[in-house]
Amino acid sequence: MSLDFEITHRCEKSNARVGRVTTPHGTFDTPAFMPVGTRGTVKGILPPQVARTGAQILLNNTYHLMLRPGAELIQSLGGVHRFMGWDGPILTDSGGYQAYSMADINAIDDDGVSFRSIVDGSMIRLTPERAIEIQNQLGADIIMAFDDCPPSADPELATTNQARLRHAAARDAKRGAYDHDARLDLALDRTARWLDRCVRAHQRDDQALFGIVQGGTDLERRTRSVEQVCQGDLPGYAIGGVAVGEEHEQIHRVVEHTSSLMPEDRPRYLMGVGYERDLVAAVLAGCDMFDCVLPTRNGRNANAFTLTGQIRLRNARFRDDSAPIDADCDCPACNPKANAWATPDAQPISRAYLRHLFMSEEMLGPILVSLHNLRHFQRLMSDLRTTIVDGGWGGFASRWPVAGGGVPSTLIRVPSDDKP
């Protein structure tokens, strides 16, 4: 098998586990958070800097690399690891999520998806076979099956920003009334059929193919999708179609239900979930791998993650704030001394200076806050791995107020008032 997964410790009071995944390009510890390098780069950050945040595996995207510069070119230059200068494990998403997120500029049918290129407007056809062919050419260690990711909720009734999905639903309604339940059922069966086609098309023994479970927020559909997707002997499995418009409680409910049904001895990858309390709840439910654009996207927009929640550095209240983003953080912005670069008197970068960088549109601001955010999430994963082993969930919840809401009270031991 192209991937080995070893569970090294299990939580006594939850389904959380600590593990290690071994791939042809090295190992990574789980629970693991994968920074997103969509187009072969974590925006603004050198690969060694990404590694120093604690990241051990990255995510690239098939759809975007297919458009530019092209999988054939990357293959000719030695594969995606050599192309981007990253010697650790890489996972590539298949492009199925882009079929969801760009619903207004694509057309989906039983054979695949036709996209209008965001680069030059030309029509692009992506089928299960083509998605696997591209990923074989890119050469990532873990590749994803091409799936049909439907809206988790009826786009016409969604309370979150689903403008593109509503546009697509309105377009499709002209051909007949939109039936959300029928759309979910179609996606389940289509995802299962496409997975079979992906397995047959996969040509490389050194790449691990993961299947993806769908089903929206309906638990019966999630159960059915697990039965369809996990019946084969794949190296790992993912939960898709989550955090696409649901409330936090719905996310936790779906993930807990679905994870419990997935094979115990294979990595479980929760796709696209990135807020701290959702990650903690998913780890407790037994998920092992995560990715999200939030650390770098928010970093580029002056939003910094801290132990108590996000701060928006453009706000005027930070104009003369001499404090670092987070005094407990050891990232290059918050603790330059720990990162082997000198500032006067080894002082951290102030919130005031960071605000100045953003207000002046200087590129250093997005770089420093992105590095901080990446380190924030790697610190969270490291603390989760430690806590799963030692069982100190009460201490974890106090150290991570922003994520403590994901820890149920049953895991937190209340000190006894009884005196010896």
Protein backbone atom coordinates (compact mmCIF):
# COMPACT_ATOMS: atom_id res chain seq x y z
CA MET A 1 0.00 0.00 0.00
CA SER A 2 1.26 3.51 -0.84
CA LEU A 3 0.34 4.81 2.59
CA ASP A 4 0.73 3.43 6.11
CA PHE A 5 -1.37 4.64 9.03
CA GLU A 6 -0.43 3.77 12.60
CA ILE A 7 -2.61 4.74 15.57
CA THR A 8 -0.25 5.34 18.48
CA HIS A 9 -2.70 6.45 21.16
CA ARG A 10 -6.46 6.59 21.76
CA CYS A 11 -8.36 8.95 24.03
CA GLU A 12 -10.02 7.09 26.89
CA LYS A 13 -13.21 9.20 26.89
CA SER A 14 -13.71 10.09 23.24
CA ASN A 15 -12.99 8.82 19.74
CA ALA A 16 -9.92 11.03 19.38
CA ARG A 17 -6.69 9.32 18.43
CA VAL A 18 -3.05 10.19 17.77
CA GLY A 19 -1.43 8.62 14.76
CA ARG A 20 1.28 8.76 12.16
CA VAL A 21 0.87 8.57 8.39
CA THR A 22 3.82 7.42 6.28
CA THR A 23 4.00 8.34 2.59
CA PRO A 24 6.72 8.16 -0.10
CA HIS A 25 7.73 11.73 0.83
CA GLY A 26 7.87 11.31 4.57
CA THR A 27 5.58 11.09 7.58
CA PHE A 28 3.14 13.38 9.31
CA ASP A 29 1.55 13.20 12.74
CA THR A 30 -2.21 13.21 13.25
CA PRO A 31 -4.36 15.07 14.05
CA ALA A 32 -2.84 17.12 11.22
CA PHE A 33 -3.75 20.48 9.75
CA MET A 34 -2.70 20.98 6.11
CA PRO A 35 -1.95 24.52 4.94
CA VAL A 36 -3.53 25.17 1.55
CA GLY A 37 -1.16 25.84 -1.33
CA THR A 38 -3.83 25.92 -4.03
CA ARG A 39 -1.60 26.82 -6.98
CA GLY A 40 1.58 25.18 -5.73
CA THR A 41 2.38 27.83 -3.13
CA VAL A 42 1.22 28.86 0.32
CA LYS A 43 0.78 32.50 -0.65
CA GLY A 44 3.71 34.69 0.35
CA ILE A 45 5.45 32.03 2.47
CA LEU A 46 8.65 30.16 1.57
CA PRO A 47 8.44 26.35 1.96
CA PRO A 48 11.02 26.30 4.81
CA GLN A 49 8.99 28.93 6.63
CA VAL A 50 5.85 26.82 6.23
CA ALA A 51 7.72 23.84 7.66
CA ARG A 52 8.93 25.88 10.64
CA THR A 53 5.32 26.64 11.60
CA GLY A 54 4.99 22.91 12.28
CA ALA A 55 3.22 21.92 9.07
CA GLN A 56 4.21 18.46 7.83
CA ILE A 57 1.89 18.11 4.82
CA LEU A 58 0.44 20.58 2.29
CA LEU A 59 -2.60 20.64 0.02
CA ASN A 60 -2.55 21.58 -3.68
CA ASN A 61 -5.56 21.84 -6.00
CA THR A 62 -5.99 19.83 -9.17
CA TYR A 63 -8.39 22.23 -10.89
CA HIS A 64 -6.19 25.30 -10.52
CA LEU A 65 -2.93 23.54 -11.43
CA MET A 66 -4.66 21.98 -14.44
CA LEU A 67 -5.54 25.47 -15.68
CA ARG A 68 -2.17 27.01 -14.96
CA PRO A 69 0.60 26.00 -15.60
CA GLY A 70 -0.80 22.58 -16.61
CA ALA A 71 -0.22 19.10 -15.18
CA GLU A 72 1.88 18.01 -18.16
CA LEU A 73 4.38 20.83 -17.55
CA ILE A 74 4.61 20.05 -13.84
CA GLN A 75 5.17 16.38 -14.64
CA SER A 76 7.93 17.24 -17.11
CA LEU A 77 9.68 19.29 -14.40
CA GLY A 78 9.74 16.43 -11.92
CA GLY A 79 6.31 16.55 -10.26
CA VAL A 80 4.69 18.93 -7.84
CA HIS A 81 7.16 18.36 -4.97
CA ARG A 82 10.14 19.45 -7.04
CA PHE A 83 8.12 22.13 -8.85
CA MET A 84 7.22 23.97 -5.64
CA GLY A 85 10.30 23.09 -3.61
CA TRP A 86 8.51 21.12 -0.87
CA ASP A 87 10.03 17.76 0.07
CA GLY A 88 7.29 16.61 2.46
CA PRO A 89 3.94 14.92 1.82
CA ILE A 90 1.39 16.64 -0.46
CA LEU A 91 -2.33 15.98 -0.94
CA THR A 92 -4.21 17.13 -4.04
CA ASP A 93 -7.93 17.86 -4.04
CA SER A 94 -9.62 16.54 -7.16
CA GLY A 95 -11.58 19.58 -8.34
CA GLY A 96 -14.92 18.28 -7.11
CA TYR A 97 -15.26 21.16 -4.67
CA GLN A 98 -14.75 23.66 -7.50
CA ALA A 99 -17.77 22.12 -9.21
CA TYR A 100 -19.70 23.16 -6.10
CA SER A 101 -18.11 26.55 -5.44
CA MET A 102 -18.27 27.63 -9.11
CA ALA A 103 -21.73 26.24 -9.69
CA ASP A 104 -22.81 29.29 -11.68
CA ILE A 105 -20.11 28.80 -14.34
CA ASN A 106 -20.22 25.03 -14.80
CA ALA A 107 -22.56 22.32 -15.99
CA ILE A 108 -22.61 18.92 -14.31
CA ASP A 109 -23.90 15.65 -15.76
CA ASP A 110 -23.47 11.94 -15.07
CA ASP A 111 -20.19 11.80 -16.97
CA GLY A 112 -18.42 14.82 -15.40
CA VAL A 113 -18.34 18.60 -15.18
CA SER A 114 -17.84 21.26 -17.86
CA PHE A 115 -16.19 24.42 -16.51
CA ARG A 116 -15.65 27.80 -18.02
CA SER A 117 -11.98 28.53 -17.35
CA ILE A 118 -11.34 31.36 -14.89
CA VAL A 119 -8.07 32.00 -16.78
CA ASP A 120 -9.19 32.53 -20.38
CA GLY A 121 -12.90 31.68 -20.52
CA SER A 122 -12.42 28.49 -22.53
CA MET A 123 -14.50 25.40 -21.76
CA ILE A 124 -12.76 22.74 -19.66
CA ARG A 125 -14.04 19.20 -19.23
CA LEU A 126 -13.26 17.33 -16.00
CA THR A 127 -14.32 13.70 -15.59
CA PRO A 128 -13.32 11.15 -12.95
CA GLU A 129 -10.76 9.72 -15.36
CA ARG A 130 -9.32 13.11 -16.24
CA ALA A 131 -9.15 14.19 -12.56
CA ILE A 132 -7.15 11.06 -11.73
CA GLU A 133 -4.93 11.44 -14.79
CA ILE A 134 -4.04 15.00 -13.76
CA GLN A 135 -3.30 13.93 -10.19
CA ASN A 136 -1.15 11.05 -11.44
CA GLN A 137 0.81 13.60 -13.46
CA LEU A 138 1.16 16.01 -10.53
CA GLY A 139 2.54 13.24 -8.33
CA ALA A 140 1.09 14.08 -4.90
CA ASP A 141 1.32 11.44 -2.17
CA ILE A 142 -2.43 11.46 -1.47
CA ILE A 143 -4.97 12.07 -4.22
CA MET A 144 -8.72 12.52 -3.95
CA ALA A 145 -11.52 10.89 -5.89
CA PHE A 146 -13.61 13.16 -8.10
CA ASP A 147 -16.95 13.58 -6.32
CA ASP A 148 -20.25 15.41 -6.74
CA CYS A 149 -20.45 17.92 -3.87
CA PRO A 150 -24.05 19.20 -3.59
CA PRO A 151 -25.24 22.16 -1.50
CA SER A 152 -25.75 21.00 2.08
CA ALA A 153 -28.95 23.04 2.29
CA ASP A 154 -31.47 24.19 -0.28
CA PRO A 155 -29.79 27.28 -1.84
CA GLU A 156 -33.12 29.10 -1.93
CA LEU A 157 -33.51 28.70 1.86
CA ALA A 158 -29.90 29.13 2.99
CA THR A 159 -29.25 31.96 5.43
CA THR A 160 -25.53 32.26 4.62
CA ASN A 161 -24.04 33.81 1.50
CA GLN A 162 -24.87 31.31 -1.25
CA ALA A 163 -25.36 33.72 -4.14
CA ARG A 164 -23.55 31.57 -6.71
CA LEU A 165 -25.52 28.47 -5.70
CA ARG A 166 -28.81 30.36 -5.84
CA HIS A 167 -27.89 31.58 -9.30
CA ALA A 168 -27.16 28.02 -10.39
CA ALA A 169 -30.38 26.73 -8.84
CA ALA A 170 -32.38 29.44 -10.61
CA ARG A 171 -30.68 28.57 -13.88
CA ASP A 172 -31.42 24.87 -13.44
CA ALA A 173 -35.01 25.60 -12.38
CA LYS A 174 -35.69 26.86 -15.89
CA ARG A 175 -35.26 23.26 -17.00
CA GLY A 176 -37.56 22.03 -14.23
CA ALA A 177 -38.31 22.66 -10.54
CA TYR A 178 -35.29 22.38 -8.24
CA ASP A 179 -35.71 19.50 -5.78
CA HIS A 180 -33.04 19.58 -3.09
CA ASP A 181 -33.71 16.07 -1.77
CA ALA A 182 -33.46 14.69 -5.29
CA ARG A 183 -30.21 16.63 -5.78
CA LEU A 184 -28.70 15.05 -2.64
CA ASP A 185 -29.71 11.54 -3.71
CA LEU A 186 -28.31 12.09 -7.18
CA ALA A 187 -25.01 13.30 -5.69
CA LEU A 188 -24.70 10.20 -3.50
CA ASP A 189 -25.12 7.74 -6.35
CA ARG A 190 -23.04 9.82 -8.74
CA THR A 191 -20.20 10.07 -6.20
CA ALA A 192 -20.21 6.29 -5.76
CA ARG A 193 -20.15 5.67 -9.52
CA TRP A 194 -17.42 8.23 -10.03
CA LEU A 195 -15.33 6.62 -7.28
CA ASP A 196 -15.46 3.30 -9.15
CA ARG A 197 -14.26 5.08 -12.28
CA CYS A 198 -11.47 6.80 -10.32
CA VAL A 199 -10.25 3.48 -8.91
CA ARG A 200 -10.13 1.97 -12.41
CA ALA A 201 -8.32 5.01 -13.83
CA HIS A 202 -5.67 5.25 -11.07
CA GLN A 203 -2.29 4.26 -12.52
CA ARG A 204 0.32 4.89 -9.82
CA ASP A 205 1.12 2.55 -6.92
CA ASP A 206 3.00 5.30 -5.06
CA GLN A 207 -0.10 7.49 -4.64
CA ALA A 208 -2.86 6.82 -2.11
CA LEU A 209 -6.40 7.38 -3.43
CA PHE A 210 -8.99 8.54 -0.87
CA GLY A 211 -12.75 8.26 -1.38
CA ILE A 212 -15.13 11.04 -0.30
CA VAL A 213 -18.38 10.65 1.66
CA GLN A 214 -21.24 13.05 0.85
CA GLY A 215 -24.85 13.38 2.04
CA GLY A 216 -25.46 16.95 3.17
CA THR A 217 -26.83 17.33 6.70
CA ASP A 218 -29.09 14.28 6.45
CA LEU A 219 -27.67 11.51 8.64
CA GLU A 220 -29.41 8.70 6.77
CA ARG A 221 -27.86 9.88 3.54
CA ARG A 222 -24.48 10.13 5.25
CA THR A 223 -24.86 6.51 6.38
CA ARG A 224 -25.76 5.43 2.88
CA SER A 225 -22.78 7.27 1.41
CA VAL A 226 -20.39 5.64 3.89
CA GLU A 227 -21.71 2.25 2.84
CA GLN A 228 -21.18 3.12 -0.82
CA VAL A 229 -17.78 4.78 -0.56
CA CYS A 230 -16.10 2.74 2.16
CA GLN A 231 -16.93 -0.71 0.83
CA GLY A 232 -13.69 -0.78 -1.18
CA ASP A 233 -10.23 -1.23 0.29
CA LEU A 234 -8.88 2.31 -0.09
CA PRO A 235 -5.96 3.75 1.91
CA GLY A 236 -8.16 6.49 3.44
CA TYR A 237 -11.50 8.23 3.36
CA ALA A 238 -12.76 11.81 3.58
CA ILE A 239 -15.90 13.59 4.76
CA GLY A 240 -16.86 16.11 2.10
CA GLY A 241 -19.66 18.63 1.76
CA VAL A 242 -19.24 20.03 5.29
CA ALA A 243 -18.85 23.71 6.28
CA VAL A 244 -20.60 24.82 3.11
CA GLY A 245 -23.30 26.88 4.78
CA GLU A 246 -24.32 24.89 7.87
CA GLU A 247 -24.41 26.10 11.46
CA HIS A 248 -21.69 24.88 13.84
CA GLU A 249 -24.08 22.48 15.59
CA GLN A 250 -24.99 20.86 12.27
CA ILE A 251 -21.33 20.46 11.36
CA HIS A 252 -20.57 18.74 14.68
CA ARG A 253 -23.60 16.47 14.36
CA VAL A 254 -22.78 15.37 10.81
CA VAL A 255 -19.08 14.83 11.52
CA GLU A 256 -19.67 12.84 14.72
CA HIS A 257 -22.20 10.60 13.00
CA THR A 258 -20.20 10.05 9.83
CA SER A 259 -16.79 9.54 11.40
CA SER A 260 -18.13 6.83 13.69
CA LEU A 261 -19.16 4.76 10.65
CA MET A 262 -15.90 5.05 8.73
CA PRO A 263 -13.15 2.37 8.86
CA GLU A 264 -11.28 2.53 12.15
CA ASP A 265 -7.87 1.63 10.71
CA ARG A 266 -7.75 4.25 7.93
CA PRO A 267 -7.12 8.02 8.10
CA ARG A 268 -10.29 10.10 8.25
CA TYR A 269 -9.99 13.43 6.47
CA LEU A 270 -12.52 16.22 7.16
CA MET A 271 -12.33 18.50 4.15
CA GLY A 272 -12.38 22.30 4.33
CA VAL A 273 -13.20 22.81 8.02
CA GLY A 274 -11.05 25.41 9.76
CA TYR A 275 -12.50 27.18 12.80
CA GLU A 276 -10.92 26.03 16.05
CA ARG A 277 -14.02 24.75 17.84
CA ASP A 278 -15.04 22.77 14.74
CA LEU A 279 -11.58 21.22 14.50
CA VAL A 280 -11.60 20.24 18.17
CA ALA A 281 -15.07 18.68 17.90
CA ALA A 282 -13.96 16.77 14.79
CA VAL A 283 -10.82 15.48 16.50
CA LEU A 284 -12.95 14.24 19.40
CA ALA A 285 -15.20 12.52 16.86
CA GLY A 286 -12.22 10.61 15.46
CA CYS A 287 -11.09 12.68 12.46
CA ASP A 288 -7.38 12.81 11.68
CA MET A 289 -6.72 15.27 8.85
CA PHE A 290 -7.92 18.79 8.10
CA ASP A 291 -7.36 21.65 5.66
CA CYS A 292 -8.68 25.16 5.29
CA VAL A 293 -7.76 28.45 3.61
CA LEU A 294 -8.68 30.48 6.71
CA PRO A 295 -5.17 30.95 8.19
CA THR A 296 -3.67 32.44 5.05
CA ARG A 297 -6.76 34.07 3.53
CA ASN A 298 -7.54 35.82 6.80
CA GLY A 299 -3.86 36.63 7.29
CA ARG A 300 -3.75 38.43 3.96
CA ASN A 301 -6.74 40.47 5.08
CA ALA A 302 -5.31 41.59 8.43
CA ASN A 303 -7.33 39.12 10.51
CA ALA A 304 -5.19 37.35 13.11
CA PHE A 305 -6.23 34.27 15.08
CA THR A 306 -5.55 34.31 18.83
CA LEU A 307 -6.35 32.08 21.80
CA THR A 308 -9.45 34.17 22.53
CA GLY A 309 -10.64 34.82 18.99
CA GLN A 310 -9.77 36.79 15.88
CA ILE A 311 -8.54 40.38 15.95
CA ARG A 312 -8.84 42.70 12.95
CA LEU A 313 -5.61 44.62 12.76
CA ARG A 314 -6.97 47.38 10.52
CA ASN A 315 -9.13 48.60 13.40
CA ALA A 316 -8.13 52.04 14.69
CA ARG A 317 -7.76 50.77 18.25
CA PHE A 318 -4.51 49.06 17.23
CA ARG A 319 -2.92 52.28 15.88
CA ASP A 320 -0.63 52.67 18.91
CA ASP A 321 -0.85 49.16 20.40
CA SER A 322 2.66 47.96 21.32
CA ALA A 323 1.60 44.42 22.16
CA PRO A 324 2.26 41.44 19.86
CA ILE A 325 -0.62 39.63 18.18
CA ASP A 326 -0.51 36.91 20.86
CA ALA A 327 2.01 36.97 23.71
CA ASP A 328 1.84 33.17 24.04
CA CYS A 329 2.70 32.54 20.38
CA ASP A 330 6.21 31.63 19.18
CA CYS A 331 5.76 32.66 15.53
CA PRO A 332 8.21 35.06 13.80
CA ALA A 333 5.94 38.05 14.49
CA CYS A 334 5.24 37.31 18.14
CA ASN A 335 8.63 35.90 19.14
CA PRO A 336 11.43 36.85 16.73
CA LYS A 337 14.10 35.56 19.14
CA ALA A 338 12.70 32.04 18.92
CA ASN A 339 12.88 32.25 15.13
CA ALA A 340 16.52 33.30 14.84
CA TRP A 341 16.07 36.81 13.52
CA ALA A 342 16.90 39.99 15.35
CA THR A 343 14.75 42.97 16.31
CA PRO A 344 15.95 45.73 18.66
CA ASP A 345 16.05 44.31 22.18
CA ALA A 346 14.46 41.11 20.79
CA GLN A 347 11.06 42.80 20.93
CA PRO A 348 8.09 41.25 19.09
CA ILE A 349 6.40 42.93 16.16
CA SER A 350 3.72 45.24 17.51
CA ARG A 351 0.09 45.33 16.47
CA ALA A 352 0.67 49.02 15.67
CA TYR A 353 3.39 48.17 13.16
CA LEU A 354 1.31 45.42 11.59
CA ARG A 355 -1.62 47.81 11.24
CA HIS A 356 0.71 50.32 9.58
CA LEU A 357 1.84 47.67 7.09
CA PHE A 358 -1.73 46.86 6.10
CA MET A 359 -2.84 50.47 5.92
CA SER A 360 0.21 51.20 3.73
CA GLU A 361 -0.45 48.10 1.59
CA GLU A 362 3.01 46.72 2.32
CA MET A 363 3.42 43.01 1.56
CA LEU A 364 5.21 42.30 4.85
CA GLY A 365 1.93 42.63 6.76
CA PRO A 366 0.17 39.72 5.01
CA ILE A 367 3.33 37.62 5.25
CA LEU A 368 3.77 38.09 9.00
CA VAL A 369 0.10 37.58 9.89
CA SER A 370 -0.14 34.54 7.60
CA LEU A 371 2.89 33.04 9.37
CA HIS A 372 1.28 33.77 12.74
CA ASN A 373 -2.03 32.19 11.71
CA LEU A 374 -0.32 29.10 10.30
CA ARG A 375 1.60 28.67 13.54
CA HIS A 376 -1.60 29.20 15.56
CA PHE A 377 -3.25 26.20 13.92
CA GLN A 378 -0.15 24.02 14.20
CA ARG A 379 0.05 24.87 17.91
CA LEU A 380 -3.58 23.81 18.22
CA MET A 381 -2.86 20.47 16.56
CA SER A 382 0.22 19.89 18.71
CA ASP A 383 -1.70 20.63 21.90
CA LEU A 384 -4.51 18.33 20.79
CA ARG A 385 -2.05 15.48 20.22
CA THR A 386 -0.57 16.03 23.69
CA THR A 387 -3.98 16.26 25.34
CA ILE A 388 -5.26 13.08 23.71
CA VAL A 389 -2.33 11.28 25.34
CA ASP A 390 -2.45 12.86 28.81
CA GLY A 391 -6.23 13.35 29.04
CA GLY A 392 -6.00 16.92 30.34
CA TRP A 393 -9.03 18.31 28.55
CA GLY A 394 -9.82 20.79 31.32
CA GLY A 395 -6.40 22.37 30.91
CA PHE A 396 -6.79 22.34 27.13
CA ALA A 397 -10.13 24.19 27.33
CA SER A 398 -8.59 26.83 29.59
CA ARG A 399 -5.56 27.25 27.31
CA TRP A 400 -7.73 27.53 24.20
CA PRO A 401 -10.84 29.58 25.08
CA VAL A 402 -11.55 30.06 21.36
CA ALA A 403 -11.74 26.28 20.90
CA GLY A 404 -12.94 25.20 24.32
CA GLY A 405 -16.55 25.20 23.14
CA GLY A 406 -15.73 22.12 21.11
CA VAL A 407 -14.86 20.16 24.27
CA PRO A 408 -17.92 18.57 25.94
CA SER A 409 -18.22 18.93 29.70
CA THR A 410 -18.04 15.14 30.11
CA LEU A 411 -14.34 15.30 29.16
CA ILE A 412 -13.43 18.00 31.68
CA ARG A 413 -12.66 16.65 35.14
CA VAL A 414 -13.87 18.97 37.88
CA PRO A 415 -11.52 18.95 40.90
CA SER A 416 -13.10 17.39 43.97
CA ASP A 417 -13.77 19.58 47.03
CA ASP A 418 -13.28 16.57 49.30
CA LYS A 419 -10.34 16.97 51.64
CA PRO A 420 -8.09 14.02 52.45
